[in-house]
PDB file of N, CA and C in Angstrom:
ATOM      1  N   MET A   1      -7.451 -40.598 -22.617  1.00  0.00           N
ATOM      2  CA  MET A   1      -8.920 -41.360 -22.587  1.00  0.00           C
ATOM      3  C   MET A   1      -8.952 -41.476 -24.019  1.00  0.00           C
ATOM      4  N   THR A   2      -9.684 -42.402 -24.553  1.00  0.00           N
ATOM      5  CA  THR A   2      -9.767 -42.563 -25.933  1.00  0.00           C
ATOM      6  C   THR A   2     -11.290 -41.785 -26.215  1.00  0.00           C
ATOM      7  N   HIS A   3     -11.659 -41.664 -27.559  1.00  0.00           N
ATOM      8  CA  HIS A   3     -12.665 -41.034 -28.248  1.00  0.00           C
ATOM      9  C   HIS A   3     -13.894 -42.114 -27.827  1.00  0.00           C
ATOM     10  N   CYS A   4     -13.810 -43.169 -27.810  1.00  0.00           N
ATOM     11  CA  CYS A   4     -14.874 -44.324 -27.343  1.00  0.00           C
ATOM     12  C   CYS A   4     -14.865 -43.934 -25.768  1.00  0.00           C
ATOM     13  N   GLU A   5     -14.112 -44.021 -25.098  1.00  0.00           N
ATOM     14  CA  GLU A   5     -14.180 -43.990 -23.715  1.00  0.00           C
ATOM     15  C   GLU A   5     -15.108 -42.607 -23.577  1.00  0.00           C
ATOM     16  N   LYS A   6     -14.591 -41.591 -24.124  1.00  0.00           N
ATOM     17  CA  LYS A   6     -15.600 -40.330 -24.127  1.00  0.00           C
ATOM     18  C   LYS A   6     -16.835 -40.421 -24.192  1.00  0.00           C
ATOM     19  N   LEU A   7     -17.274 -40.984 -25.063  1.00  0.00           N
ATOM     20  CA  LEU A   7     -18.498 -41.240 -26.055  1.00  0.00           C
ATOM     21  C   LEU A   7     -19.324 -42.351 -24.665  1.00  0.00           C
ATOM     22  N   TYR A   8     -18.903 -43.576 -24.279  1.00  0.00           N
ATOM     23  CA  TYR A   8     -19.270 -44.180 -23.262  1.00  0.00           C
ATOM     24  C   TYR A   8     -19.694 -43.375 -22.354  1.00  0.00           C
ATOM     25  N   ASN A   9     -18.657 -42.596 -21.471  1.00  0.00           N
ATOM     26  CA  ASN A   9     -19.168 -42.304 -20.365  1.00  0.00           C
ATOM     27  C   ASN A   9     -20.236 -41.100 -20.539  1.00  0.00           C
ATOM     28  N   TYR A  10     -20.256 -40.500 -21.674  1.00  0.00           N
ATOM     29  CA  TYR A  10     -21.288 -39.386 -22.066  1.00  0.00           C
ATOM     30  C   TYR A  10     -22.609 -40.334 -22.093  1.00  0.00           C
ATOM     31  N   PHE A  11     -22.696 -41.246 -22.609  1.00  0.00           N
ATOM     32  CA  PHE A  11     -23.890 -41.780 -22.428  1.00  0.00           C
ATOM     33  C   PHE A  11     -24.193 -42.546 -21.247  1.00  0.00           C
ATOM     34  N   LEU A  12     -23.467 -42.796 -20.496  1.00  0.00           N
ATOM     35  CA  LEU A  12     -23.356 -43.394 -19.142  1.00  0.00           C
ATOM     36  C   LEU A  12     -24.535 -42.199 -18.072  1.00  0.00           C
ATOM     37  N   GLU A  13     -23.991 -41.222 -18.450  1.00  0.00           N
ATOM     38  CA  GLU A  13     -24.724 -40.174 -17.986  1.00  0.00           C
ATOM     39  C   GLU A  13     -26.227 -39.387 -18.885  1.00  0.00           C
ATOM     40  N   HIS A  14     -26.100 -39.988 -20.123  1.00  0.00           N
ATOM     41  CA  HIS A  14     -27.309 -39.073 -21.063  1.00  0.00           C
ATOM     42  C   HIS A  14     -27.662 -40.332 -21.632  1.00  0.00           C
ATOM     43  N   PRO A  15     -28.151 -41.361 -21.548  1.00  0.00           N
ATOM     44  CA  PRO A  15     -28.669 -42.476 -22.493  1.00  0.00           C
ATOM     45  C   PRO A  15     -29.532 -42.333 -23.557  1.00  0.00           C
ATOM     46  N   LYS A  16     -30.177 -40.708 -23.498  1.00  0.00           N
ATOM     47  CA  LYS A  16     -31.279 -40.732 -24.418  1.00  0.00           C
ATOM     48  C   LYS A  16     -30.795 -39.516 -25.233  1.00  0.00           C
ATOM     49  N   ALA A  17     -29.599 -39.253 -25.241  1.00  0.00           N
ATOM     50  CA  ALA A  17     -28.847 -38.225 -25.796  1.00  0.00           C
ATOM     51  C   ALA A  17     -28.727 -38.436 -27.581  1.00  0.00           C
ATOM     52  N   THR A  18     -29.401 -37.249 -28.166  1.00  0.00           N
ATOM     53  CA  THR A  18     -29.047 -37.259 -29.516  1.00  0.00           C
ATOM     54  C   THR A  18     -28.140 -36.920 -30.112  1.00  0.00           C
ATOM     55  N   ALA A  19     -27.650 -37.265 -31.243  1.00  0.00           N
ATOM     56  CA  ALA A  19     -26.430 -36.843 -32.303  1.00  0.00           C
ATOM     57  C   ALA A  19     -25.746 -35.388 -32.160  1.00  0.00           C
ATOM     58  N   ASP A  20     -27.074 -34.612 -31.878  1.00  0.00           N
ATOM     59  CA  ASP A  20     -26.722 -33.284 -31.873  1.00  0.00           C
ATOM     60  C   ASP A  20     -26.395 -32.766 -30.454  1.00  0.00           C
ATOM     61  N   GLU A  21     -26.923 -33.478 -29.498  1.00  0.00           N
ATOM     62  CA  GLU A  21     -26.454 -32.912 -28.354  1.00  0.00           C
ATOM     63  C   GLU A  21     -25.111 -33.686 -27.697  1.00  0.00           C
ATOM     64  N   VAL A  22     -24.669 -34.938 -28.609  1.00  0.00           N
ATOM     65  CA  VAL A  22     -23.687 -35.446 -28.333  1.00  0.00           C
ATOM     66  C   VAL A  22     -22.213 -34.415 -29.055  1.00  0.00           C
ATOM     67  N   MET A  23     -22.693 -33.880 -30.222  1.00  0.00           N
ATOM     68  CA  MET A  23     -21.816 -33.179 -30.824  1.00  0.00           C
ATOM     69  C   MET A  23     -21.651 -31.629 -29.947  1.00  0.00           C
ATOM     70  N   SER A  24     -22.924 -31.354 -29.888  1.00  0.00           N
ATOM     71  CA  SER A  24     -22.488 -30.210 -28.770  1.00  0.00           C
ATOM     72  C   SER A  24     -21.552 -30.192 -27.607  1.00  0.00           C
ATOM     73  N   ALA A  25     -21.957 -31.315 -27.039  1.00  0.00           N
ATOM     74  CA  ALA A  25     -21.499 -31.749 -25.739  1.00  0.00           C
ATOM     75  C   ALA A  25     -19.940 -31.920 -25.535  1.00  0.00           C
ATOM     76  N   LEU A  26     -19.278 -32.544 -26.826  1.00  0.00           N
ATOM     77  CA  LEU A  26     -17.689 -32.780 -26.918  1.00  0.00           C
ATOM     78  C   LEU A  26     -17.558 -32.525 -28.082  1.00  0.00           C
ATOM     79  N   ASP A  27     -18.140 -31.590 -28.637  1.00  0.00           N
ATOM     80  CA  ASP A  27     -17.418 -30.308 -29.320  1.00  0.00           C
ATOM     81  C   ASP A  27     -16.857 -31.475 -30.837  1.00  0.00           C
ATOM     82  N   TRP A  28     -17.655 -32.350 -31.326  1.00  0.00           N
ATOM     83  CA  TRP A  28     -17.625 -33.284 -32.011  1.00  0.00           C
ATOM     84  C   TRP A  28     -18.425 -33.205 -33.557  1.00  0.00           C
ATOM     85  N   GLU A  29     -17.763 -33.776 -34.908  1.00  0.00           N
ATOM     86  CA  GLU A  29     -18.473 -33.868 -36.060  1.00  0.00           C
ATOM     87  C   GLU A  29     -19.701 -34.756 -36.257  1.00  0.00           C
ATOM     88  N   ARG A  30     -20.581 -34.629 -36.836  1.00  0.00           N
ATOM     89  CA  ARG A  30     -21.501 -35.488 -36.825  1.00  0.00           C
ATOM     90  C   ARG A  30     -20.853 -37.015 -37.252  1.00  0.00           C
ATOM     91  N   ARG A  31     -19.781 -37.105 -38.027  1.00  0.00           N
ATOM     92  CA  ARG A  31     -19.582 -38.470 -38.518  1.00  0.00           C
ATOM     93  C   ARG A  31     -18.241 -39.055 -37.357  1.00  0.00           C
ATOM     94  N   GLN A  32     -18.152 -38.370 -36.798  1.00  0.00           N
ATOM     95  CA  GLN A  32     -17.283 -38.515 -35.299  1.00  0.00           C
ATOM     96  C   GLN A  32     -18.499 -39.321 -34.073  1.00  0.00           C
ATOM     97  N   VAL A  33     -19.716 -38.960 -34.054  1.00  0.00           N
ATOM     98  CA  VAL A  33     -20.447 -39.354 -33.072  1.00  0.00           C
ATOM     99  C   VAL A  33     -20.794 -40.922 -33.934  1.00  0.00           C
ATOM    100  N   SER A  34     -21.074 -40.726 -34.962  1.00  0.00           N
ATOM    101  CA  SER A  34     -21.565 -42.238 -35.784  1.00  0.00           C
ATOM    102  C   SER A  34     -20.733 -43.040 -35.887  1.00  0.00           C
ATOM    103  N   ARG A  35     -19.558 -42.803 -35.903  1.00  0.00           N
ATOM    104  CA  ARG A  35     -18.161 -43.457 -36.092  1.00  0.00           C
ATOM    105  C   ARG A  35     -17.968 -44.206 -34.542  1.00  0.00           C
ATOM    106  N   TYR A  36     -17.939 -43.304 -33.745  1.00  0.00           N
ATOM    107  CA  TYR A  36     -17.544 -44.087 -31.948  1.00  0.00           C
ATOM    108  C   TYR A  36     -18.901 -45.047 -31.468  1.00  0.00           C
ATOM    109  N   LYS A  37     -19.708 -44.562 -31.970  1.00  0.00           N
ATOM    110  CA  LYS A  37     -21.139 -44.817 -31.348  1.00  0.00           C
ATOM    111  C   LYS A  37     -21.014 -46.674 -32.110  1.00  0.00           C
ATOM    112  N   HIS A  38     -20.692 -46.356 -33.427  1.00  0.00           N
ATOM    113  CA  HIS A  38     -20.751 -47.833 -34.329  1.00  0.00           C
ATOM    114  C   HIS A  38     -19.829 -48.707 -33.618  1.00  0.00           C
ATOM    115  N   ARG A  39     -18.893 -48.353 -33.025  1.00  0.00           N
ATOM    116  CA  ARG A  39     -17.270 -49.026 -32.552  1.00  0.00           C
ATOM    117  C   ARG A  39     -18.142 -49.531 -31.236  1.00  0.00           C
ATOM    118  N   LEU A  40     -18.749 -48.757 -30.478  1.00  0.00           N
ATOM    119  CA  LEU A  40     -19.096 -49.144 -29.283  1.00  0.00           C
ATOM    120  C   LEU A  40     -20.369 -50.156 -29.492  1.00  0.00           C
ATOM    121  N   LYS A  41     -20.735 -50.009 -30.438  1.00  0.00           N
ATOM    122  CA  LYS A  41     -22.039 -51.317 -30.606  1.00  0.00           C
ATOM    123  C   LYS A  41     -21.345 -52.424 -30.891  1.00  0.00           C
ATOM    124  N   ARG A  42     -20.560 -52.036 -31.627  1.00  0.00           N
ATOM    125  CA  ARG A  42     -19.542 -53.505 -32.586  1.00  0.00           C
ATOM    126  C   ARG A  42     -18.978 -53.951 -31.449  1.00  0.00           C
ATOM    127  N   GLY A  43     -18.491 -53.522 -30.799  1.00  0.00           N
ATOM    128  CA  GLY A  43     -17.658 -53.932 -29.616  1.00  0.00           C
ATOM    129  C   GLY A  43     -18.791 -54.584 -28.500  1.00  0.00           C
ATOM    130  N   GLY A  44     -20.006 -54.607 -28.418  1.00  0.00           N
ATOM    131  CA  GLY A  44     -20.804 -55.007 -27.780  1.00  0.00           C
ATOM    132  C   GLY A  44     -20.617 -54.386 -26.600  1.00  0.00           C
ATOM    133  N   PHE A  45     -20.343 -53.338 -26.462  1.00  0.00           N
ATOM    134  CA  PHE A  45     -20.645 -52.601 -25.153  1.00  0.00           C
ATOM    135  C   PHE A  45     -21.841 -51.614 -24.632  1.00  0.00           C
ATOM    136  N   ILE A  46     -22.500 -51.511 -25.550  1.00  0.00           N
ATOM    137  CA  ILE A  46     -23.720 -50.637 -26.116  1.00  0.00           C
ATOM    138  C   ILE A  46     -24.562 -51.371 -26.724  1.00  0.00           C
ATOM    139  N   ASP A  47     -26.260 -51.244 -26.651  1.00  0.00           N
ATOM    140  CA  ASP A  47     -26.996 -51.453 -27.573  1.00  0.00           C
ATOM    141  C   ASP A  47     -27.800 -50.353 -27.995  1.00  0.00           C
ATOM    142  N   VAL A  48     -28.212 -49.640 -29.060  1.00  0.00           N
ATOM    143  CA  VAL A  48     -29.139 -48.440 -29.168  1.00  0.00           C
ATOM    144  C   VAL A  48     -30.583 -48.876 -29.824  1.00  0.00           C
ATOM    145  N   ASP A  49     -31.185 -48.743 -28.998  1.00  0.00           N
ATOM    146  CA  ASP A  49     -32.544 -48.315 -29.409  1.00  0.00           C
ATOM    147  C   ASP A  49     -33.361 -47.236 -29.400  1.00  0.00           C
ATOM    148  N   PRO A  50     -33.777 -47.372 -30.710  1.00  0.00           N
ATOM    149  CA  PRO A  50     -34.903 -45.488 -30.774  1.00  0.00           C
ATOM    150  C   PRO A  50     -36.049 -45.146 -29.995  1.00  0.00           C
ATOM    151  N   ARG A  51     -36.587 -45.980 -29.077  1.00  0.00           N
ATOM    152  CA  ARG A  51     -37.206 -45.308 -28.471  1.00  0.00           C
ATOM    153  C   ARG A  51     -36.223 -45.161 -26.819  1.00  0.00           C
ATOM    154  N   ASP A  52     -35.830 -46.276 -26.327  1.00  0.00           N
ATOM    155  CA  ASP A  52     -35.245 -46.096 -25.222  1.00  0.00           C
ATOM    156  C   ASP A  52     -33.798 -45.290 -25.162  1.00  0.00           C
ATOM    157  N   GLY A  53     -33.336 -44.921 -26.396  1.00  0.00           N
ATOM    158  CA  GLY A  53     -31.894 -44.717 -26.496  1.00  0.00           C
ATOM    159  C   GLY A  53     -31.160 -45.782 -26.043  1.00  0.00           C
ATOM    160  N   VAL A  54     -29.791 -45.482 -25.388  1.00  0.00           N
ATOM    161  CA  VAL A  54     -28.368 -46.236 -25.377  1.00  0.00           C
ATOM    162  C   VAL A  54     -28.569 -47.038 -23.879  1.00  0.00           C
ATOM    163  N   GLN A  55     -28.215 -48.365 -24.486  1.00  0.00           N
ATOM    164  CA  GLN A  55     -28.129 -48.969 -22.821  1.00  0.00           C
ATOM    165  C   GLN A  55     -26.763 -49.384 -23.039  1.00  0.00           C
ATOM    166  N   MET A  56     -26.573 -49.486 -21.781  1.00  0.00           N
ATOM    167  CA  MET A  56     -25.272 -49.787 -21.329  1.00  0.00           C
ATOM    168  C   MET A  56     -25.267 -51.623 -21.216  1.00  0.00           C
ATOM    169  N   LEU A  57     -24.351 -52.212 -22.204  1.00  0.00           N
ATOM    170  CA  LEU A  57     -24.064 -54.165 -21.725  1.00  0.00           C
ATOM    171  C   LEU A  57     -22.838 -54.317 -21.131  1.00  0.00           C
ATOM    172  N   ARG A  58     -21.996 -53.455 -21.217  1.00  0.00           N
ATOM    173  CA  ARG A  58     -20.967 -54.055 -20.247  1.00  0.00           C
ATOM    174  C   ARG A  58     -19.802 -52.639 -19.894  1.00  0.00           C
ATOM    175  N   PRO A  59     -19.284 -52.775 -19.196  1.00  0.00           N
ATOM    176  CA  PRO A  59     -17.987 -52.078 -18.925  1.00  0.00           C
ATOM    177  C   PRO A  59     -17.276 -51.381 -19.994  1.00  0.00           C
ATOM    178  N   TYR A  60     -16.933 -50.529 -20.163  1.00  0.00           N
ATOM    179  CA  TYR A  60     -16.047 -50.342 -21.478  1.00  0.00           C
ATOM    180  C   TYR A  60     -14.477 -51.095 -21.348  1.00  0.00           C
ATOM    181  N   ARG A  61     -14.139 -50.508 -20.464  1.00  0.00           N
ATOM    182  CA  ARG A  61     -12.691 -51.143 -20.087  1.00  0.00           C
ATOM    183  C   ARG A  61     -12.824 -52.147 -19.218  1.00  0.00           C
ATOM    184  N   GLU A  62     -12.563 -53.459 -19.841  1.00  0.00           N
ATOM    185  CA  GLU A  62     -12.395 -54.341 -18.607  1.00  0.00           C
ATOM    186  C   GLU A  62     -10.818 -54.419 -17.748  1.00  0.00           C
ATOM    187  N   GLU A  63     -10.629 -54.277 -16.576  1.00  0.00           N
ATOM    188  CA  GLU A  63      -9.374 -54.605 -15.810  1.00  0.00           C
ATOM    189  C   GLU A  63      -8.446 -56.097 -15.991  1.00  0.00           C
ATOM    190  N   ASP A  64      -9.086 -56.890 -17.063  1.00  0.00           N
ATOM    191  CA  ASP A  64      -8.403 -58.146 -17.008  1.00  0.00           C
ATOM    192  C   ASP A  64      -7.650 -58.165 -18.375  1.00  0.00           C
ATOM    193  N   ASP A  65      -7.349 -57.187 -19.258  1.00  0.00           N
ATOM    194  CA  ASP A  65      -6.766 -57.296 -20.394  1.00  0.00           C
ATOM    195  C   ASP A  65      -5.786 -57.945 -20.259  1.00  0.00           C
ATOM    196  N   ASN A  66      -5.187 -58.783 -21.361  1.00  0.00           N
ATOM    197  CA  ASN A  66      -4.231 -59.652 -21.348  1.00  0.00           C
ATOM    198  C   ASN A  66      -2.850 -58.880 -22.168  1.00  0.00           C
ATOM    199  N   ASN A  67      -3.200 -58.277 -23.046  1.00  0.00           N
ATOM    200  CA  ASN A  67      -2.261 -56.979 -23.434  1.00  0.00           C
ATOM    201  C   ASN A  67      -2.743 -55.499 -23.246  1.00  0.00           C
ATOM    202  N   PRO A  68      -2.232 -55.033 -22.451  1.00  0.00           N
ATOM    203  CA  PRO A  68      -2.805 -53.601 -22.561  1.00  0.00           C
ATOM    204  C   PRO A  68      -2.087 -52.919 -23.485  1.00  0.00           C
ATOM    205  N   ILE A  69      -0.587 -53.451 -23.920  1.00  0.00           N
ATOM    206  CA  ILE A  69       0.334 -52.519 -24.683  1.00  0.00           C
ATOM    207  C   ILE A  69      -0.476 -52.656 -26.062  1.00  0.00           C
ATOM    208  N   HIS A  70      -0.499 -53.743 -26.262  1.00  0.00           N
ATOM    209  CA  HIS A  70      -0.998 -54.092 -27.641  1.00  0.00           C
ATOM    210  C   HIS A  70      -2.505 -53.324 -27.689  1.00  0.00           C
ATOM    211  N   GLU A  71      -3.348 -53.142 -26.851  1.00  0.00           N
ATOM    212  CA  GLU A  71      -4.774 -52.433 -27.067  1.00  0.00           C
ATOM    213  C   GLU A  71      -4.331 -51.033 -27.064  1.00  0.00           C
ATOM    214  N   TYR A  72      -3.584 -50.276 -26.126  1.00  0.00           N
ATOM    215  CA  TYR A  72      -3.205 -49.089 -26.317  1.00  0.00           C
ATOM    216  C   TYR A  72      -2.616 -48.566 -27.809  1.00  0.00           C
ATOM    217  N   LYS A  73      -1.398 -49.634 -28.429  1.00  0.00           N
ATOM    218  CA  LYS A  73      -1.083 -49.543 -29.411  1.00  0.00           C
ATOM    219  C   LYS A  73      -2.371 -49.058 -30.570  1.00  0.00           C
ATOM    220  N   GLN A  74      -3.433 -50.346 -30.777  1.00  0.00           N
ATOM    221  CA  GLN A  74      -4.336 -50.170 -31.227  1.00  0.00           C
ATOM    222  C   GLN A  74      -5.521 -49.184 -31.371  1.00  0.00           C
ATOM    223  N   ASP A  75      -5.657 -48.683 -30.385  1.00  0.00           N
ATOM    224  CA  ASP A  75      -6.313 -47.380 -30.533  1.00  0.00           C
ATOM    225  C   ASP A  75      -5.506 -46.453 -30.813  1.00  0.00           C
ATOM    226  N   ALA A  76      -4.346 -46.303 -30.752  1.00  0.00           N
ATOM    227  CA  ALA A  76      -3.395 -45.309 -31.616  1.00  0.00           C
ATOM    228  C   ALA A  76      -3.552 -45.364 -32.607  1.00  0.00           C
ATOM    229  N   TYR A  77      -3.230 -46.553 -33.466  1.00  0.00           N
ATOM    230  CA  TYR A  77      -3.556 -46.934 -34.867  1.00  0.00           C
ATOM    231  C   TYR A  77      -4.860 -46.431 -35.300  1.00  0.00           C
ATOM    232  N   ARG A  78      -6.025 -46.640 -34.465  1.00  0.00           N
ATOM    233  CA  ARG A  78      -6.965 -46.369 -34.582  1.00  0.00           C
ATOM    234  C   ARG A  78      -7.207 -44.699 -34.903  1.00  0.00           C
ATOM    235  N   GLN A  79      -6.833 -43.994 -33.891  1.00  0.00           N
ATOM    236  CA  GLN A  79      -7.051 -42.415 -33.777  1.00  0.00           C
ATOM    237  C   GLN A  79      -6.325 -41.887 -34.896  1.00  0.00           C
ATOM    238  N   ALA A  80      -4.907 -42.552 -35.538  1.00  0.00           N
ATOM    239  CA  ALA A  80      -4.722 -42.187 -36.390  1.00  0.00           C
ATOM    240  C   ALA A  80      -4.823 -42.084 -37.807  1.00  0.00           C
ATOM    241  N   ALA A  81      -5.718 -43.334 -38.038  1.00  0.00           N
ATOM    242  CA  ALA A  81      -6.692 -43.651 -39.149  1.00  0.00           C
ATOM    243  C   ALA A  81      -7.960 -42.853 -39.160  1.00  0.00           C
ATOM    244  N   ASP A  82      -8.484 -42.427 -38.215  1.00  0.00           N
ATOM    245  CA  ASP A  82      -9.548 -41.061 -38.080  1.00  0.00           C
ATOM    246  C   ASP A  82      -9.256 -40.168 -38.487  1.00  0.00           C
ATOM    247  N   ALA A  83      -7.942 -39.658 -37.645  1.00  0.00           N
ATOM    248  CA  ALA A  83      -7.004 -38.087 -37.923  1.00  0.00           C
ATOM    249  C   ALA A  83      -6.784 -38.587 -39.626  1.00  0.00           C
ATOM    250  N   CYS A  84      -6.413 -39.255 -40.433  1.00  0.00           N
ATOM    251  CA  CYS A  84      -6.501 -39.227 -41.740  1.00  0.00           C
ATOM    252  C   CYS A  84      -7.828 -39.382 -42.292  1.00  0.00           C
ATOM    253  N   LEU A  85      -8.700 -39.874 -41.938  1.00  0.00           N
ATOM    254  CA  LEU A  85     -10.162 -39.908 -42.687  1.00  0.00           C
ATOM    255  C   LEU A  85     -10.833 -38.373 -42.120  1.00  0.00           C
ATOM    256  N   ASP A  86     -10.539 -37.682 -41.075  1.00  0.00           N
ATOM    257  CA  ASP A  86     -10.989 -36.213 -40.852  1.00  0.00           C
ATOM    258  C   ASP A  86     -10.080 -35.149 -41.888  1.00  0.00           C
ATOM    259  N   ARG A  87      -8.906 -35.480 -42.393  1.00  0.00           N
ATOM    260  CA  ARG A  87      -8.331 -34.578 -43.232  1.00  0.00           C
ATOM    261  C   ARG A  87      -8.561 -35.175 -44.604  1.00  0.00           C
ATOM    262  N   ILE A  88      -9.078 -36.142 -44.798  1.00  0.00           N
ATOM    263  CA  ILE A  88      -9.482 -36.413 -46.280  1.00  0.00           C
ATOM    264  C   ILE A  88     -10.965 -35.771 -46.749  1.00  0.00           C
ATOM    265  N   HIS A  89     -11.764 -35.658 -45.639  1.00  0.00           N
ATOM    266  CA  HIS A  89     -12.903 -35.124 -45.861  1.00  0.00           C
ATOM    267  C   HIS A  89     -12.755 -33.537 -45.583  1.00  0.00           C
ATOM    268  N   ASP A  90     -11.831 -33.019 -45.184  1.00  0.00           N
ATOM    269  CA  ASP A  90     -11.531 -31.764 -45.321  1.00  0.00           C
ATOM    270  C   ASP A  90     -11.452 -30.867 -47.097  1.00  0.00           C
ATOM    271  N   PRO A  91     -12.448 -29.829 -46.683  1.00  0.00           N
ATOM    272  CA  PRO A  91     -12.542 -29.658 -48.138  1.00  0.00           C
ATOM    273  C   PRO A  91     -11.169 -28.766 -48.971  1.00  0.00           C
ATOM    274  N   GLU A  92     -10.329 -28.250 -47.709  1.00  0.00           N
ATOM    275  CA  GLU A  92      -9.267 -27.888 -48.264  1.00  0.00           C
ATOM    276  C   GLU A  92      -8.063 -28.824 -48.274  1.00  0.00           C
ATOM    277  N   THR A  93      -8.283 -29.746 -48.195  1.00  0.00           N
ATOM    278  CA  THR A  93      -7.339 -30.996 -48.504  1.00  0.00           C
ATOM    279  C   THR A  93      -6.545 -30.865 -50.314  1.00  0.00           C
ATOM    280  N   THR A  94      -5.515 -30.461 -50.716  1.00  0.00           N
ATOM    281  CA  THR A  94      -5.119 -30.514 -52.317  1.00  0.00           C
ATOM    282  C   THR A  94      -5.165 -32.455 -52.262  1.00  0.00           C
ATOM    283  N   ILE A  95      -5.444 -32.104 -53.785  1.00  0.00           N
ATOM    284  CA  ILE A  95      -5.307 -33.709 -54.555  1.00  0.00           C
ATOM    285  C   ILE A  95      -3.928 -34.607 -53.755  1.00  0.00           C
ATOM    286  N   ALA A  96      -2.739 -33.507 -53.735  1.00  0.00           N
ATOM    287  CA  ALA A  96      -1.128 -34.084 -53.666  1.00  0.00           C
ATOM    288  C   ALA A  96      -1.565 -34.590 -52.199  1.00  0.00           C
ATOM    289  N   GLN A  97      -2.025 -33.904 -51.484  1.00  0.00           N
ATOM    290  CA  GLN A  97      -2.115 -34.307 -50.045  1.00  0.00           C
ATOM    291  C   GLN A  97      -3.022 -35.422 -49.949  1.00  0.00           C
ATOM    292  N   LEU A  98      -3.924 -35.523 -50.367  1.00  0.00           N
ATOM    293  CA  LEU A  98      -5.131 -36.491 -50.036  1.00  0.00           C
ATOM    294  C   LEU A  98      -4.484 -37.841 -51.072  1.00  0.00           C
ATOM    295  N   ILE A  99      -3.873 -37.673 -51.872  1.00  0.00           N
ATOM    296  CA  ILE A  99      -2.892 -39.198 -52.020  1.00  0.00           C
ATOM    297  C   ILE A  99      -1.976 -39.611 -51.733  1.00  0.00           C
ATOM    298  N   GLU A 100      -1.243 -38.784 -50.556  1.00  0.00           N
ATOM    299  CA  GLU A 100      -0.242 -39.144 -49.407  1.00  0.00           C
ATOM    300  C   GLU A 100      -1.149 -39.742 -48.053  1.00  0.00           C
ATOM    301  N   LEU A 101      -2.260 -38.787 -47.746  1.00  0.00           N
ATOM    302  CA  LEU A 101      -3.481 -39.416 -46.843  1.00  0.00           C
ATOM    303  C   LEU A 101      -3.908 -40.816 -46.748  1.00  0.00           C
ATOM    304  N   ILE A 102      -4.322 -41.109 -48.190  1.00  0.00           N
ATOM    305  CA  ILE A 102      -5.023 -42.330 -48.617  1.00  0.00           C
ATOM    306  C   ILE A 102      -3.622 -43.768 -48.469  1.00  0.00           C
ATOM    307  N   ARG A 103      -2.548 -43.237 -49.236  1.00  0.00           N
ATOM    308  CA  ARG A 103      -1.387 -44.219 -48.590  1.00  0.00           C
ATOM    309  C   ARG A 103      -1.001 -44.459 -47.551  1.00  0.00           C
ATOM    310  N   GLU A 104      -0.870 -43.592 -46.067  1.00  0.00           N
ATOM    311  CA  GLU A 104      -0.414 -43.090 -44.688  1.00  0.00           C
ATOM    312  C   GLU A 104      -1.878 -44.044 -44.284  1.00  0.00           C
ATOM    313  N   LEU A 105      -2.846 -43.882 -44.670  1.00  0.00           N
ATOM    314  CA  LEU A 105      -4.235 -44.410 -44.114  1.00  0.00           C
ATOM    315  C   LEU A 105      -3.755 -46.117 -44.382  1.00  0.00           C
ATOM    316  N   ARG A 106      -3.741 -46.489 -45.829  1.00  0.00           N
ATOM    317  CA  ARG A 106      -3.408 -47.915 -46.232  1.00  0.00           C
ATOM    318  C   ARG A 106      -2.505 -48.561 -45.301  1.00  0.00           C
ATOM    319  N   MET A 107      -1.501 -47.826 -45.053  1.00  0.00           N
ATOM    320  CA  MET A 107      -0.230 -48.129 -44.088  1.00  0.00           C
ATOM    321  C   MET A 107      -0.743 -48.564 -42.507  1.00  0.00           C
ATOM    322  N   ILE A 108      -1.406 -47.813 -41.981  1.00  0.00           N
ATOM    323  CA  ILE A 108      -2.119 -47.664 -40.866  1.00  0.00           C
ATOM    324  C   ILE A 108      -3.100 -49.037 -40.650  1.00  0.00           C
ATOM    325  N   LEU A 109      -3.844 -48.851 -41.643  1.00  0.00           N
ATOM    326  CA  LEU A 109      -5.058 -50.232 -41.983  1.00  0.00           C
ATOM    327  C   LEU A 109      -4.593 -51.197 -41.814  1.00  0.00           C
ATOM    328  N   LYS A 110      -3.287 -51.548 -42.327  1.00  0.00           N
ATOM    329  CA  LYS A 110      -2.367 -52.703 -42.426  1.00  0.00           C
ATOM    330  C   LYS A 110      -2.338 -53.271 -41.164  1.00  0.00           C
ATOM    331  N   ALA A 111      -1.815 -51.995 -40.234  1.00  0.00           N
ATOM    332  CA  ALA A 111      -1.159 -52.453 -39.060  1.00  0.00           C
ATOM    333  C   ALA A 111      -2.495 -52.332 -37.951  1.00  0.00           C
ATOM    334  N   ILE A 112      -3.768 -52.256 -38.239  1.00  0.00           N
ATOM    335  CA  ILE A 112      -4.623 -52.599 -37.366  1.00  0.00           C
ATOM    336  C   ILE A 112      -5.162 -54.080 -37.128  1.00  0.00           C
ATOM    337  N   ILE A 113      -5.066 -54.710 -36.083  1.00  0.00           N
ATOM    338  CA  ILE A 113      -5.564 -56.349 -36.302  1.00  0.00           C
ATOM    339  C   ILE A 113      -7.024 -56.207 -36.051  1.00  0.00           C
ATOM    340  N   PRO A 114      -8.074 -56.746 -36.892  1.00  0.00           N
ATOM    341  CA  PRO A 114      -9.165 -56.827 -36.529  1.00  0.00           C
ATOM    342  C   PRO A 114      -9.440 -57.570 -35.170  1.00  0.00           C
ATOM    343  N   ALA A 115     -10.625 -56.765 -34.503  1.00  0.00           N
ATOM    344  CA  ALA A 115     -11.239 -56.903 -33.337  1.00  0.00           C
ATOM    345  C   ALA A 115     -12.136 -58.082 -33.405  1.00  0.00           C
TER     346      ALA A 115
END
């Protein structure tokens, strides 16, 4: 299950959940909640209203995917990119590691086809 799926499923059961509640329930950091919430919103899966919370617009995974392998690869690239970003933000990352992570992230981002 991808991170987006986890967040989508959580919002199905808890549409008015705050970022702090999501962080606690999924054991995520704030930027992860923000990142995946934005992806769900950008993909047209959810809408966010400050008063009403999260509204589901359509199911997260449609069964009529034309190319599930392609989608799987894209999800894997996105997760790899997220892992690089998390390491970049880690205060223990050295300059040499940071440079290598940025190179790796650029290669991953080239492989991701915009949705």
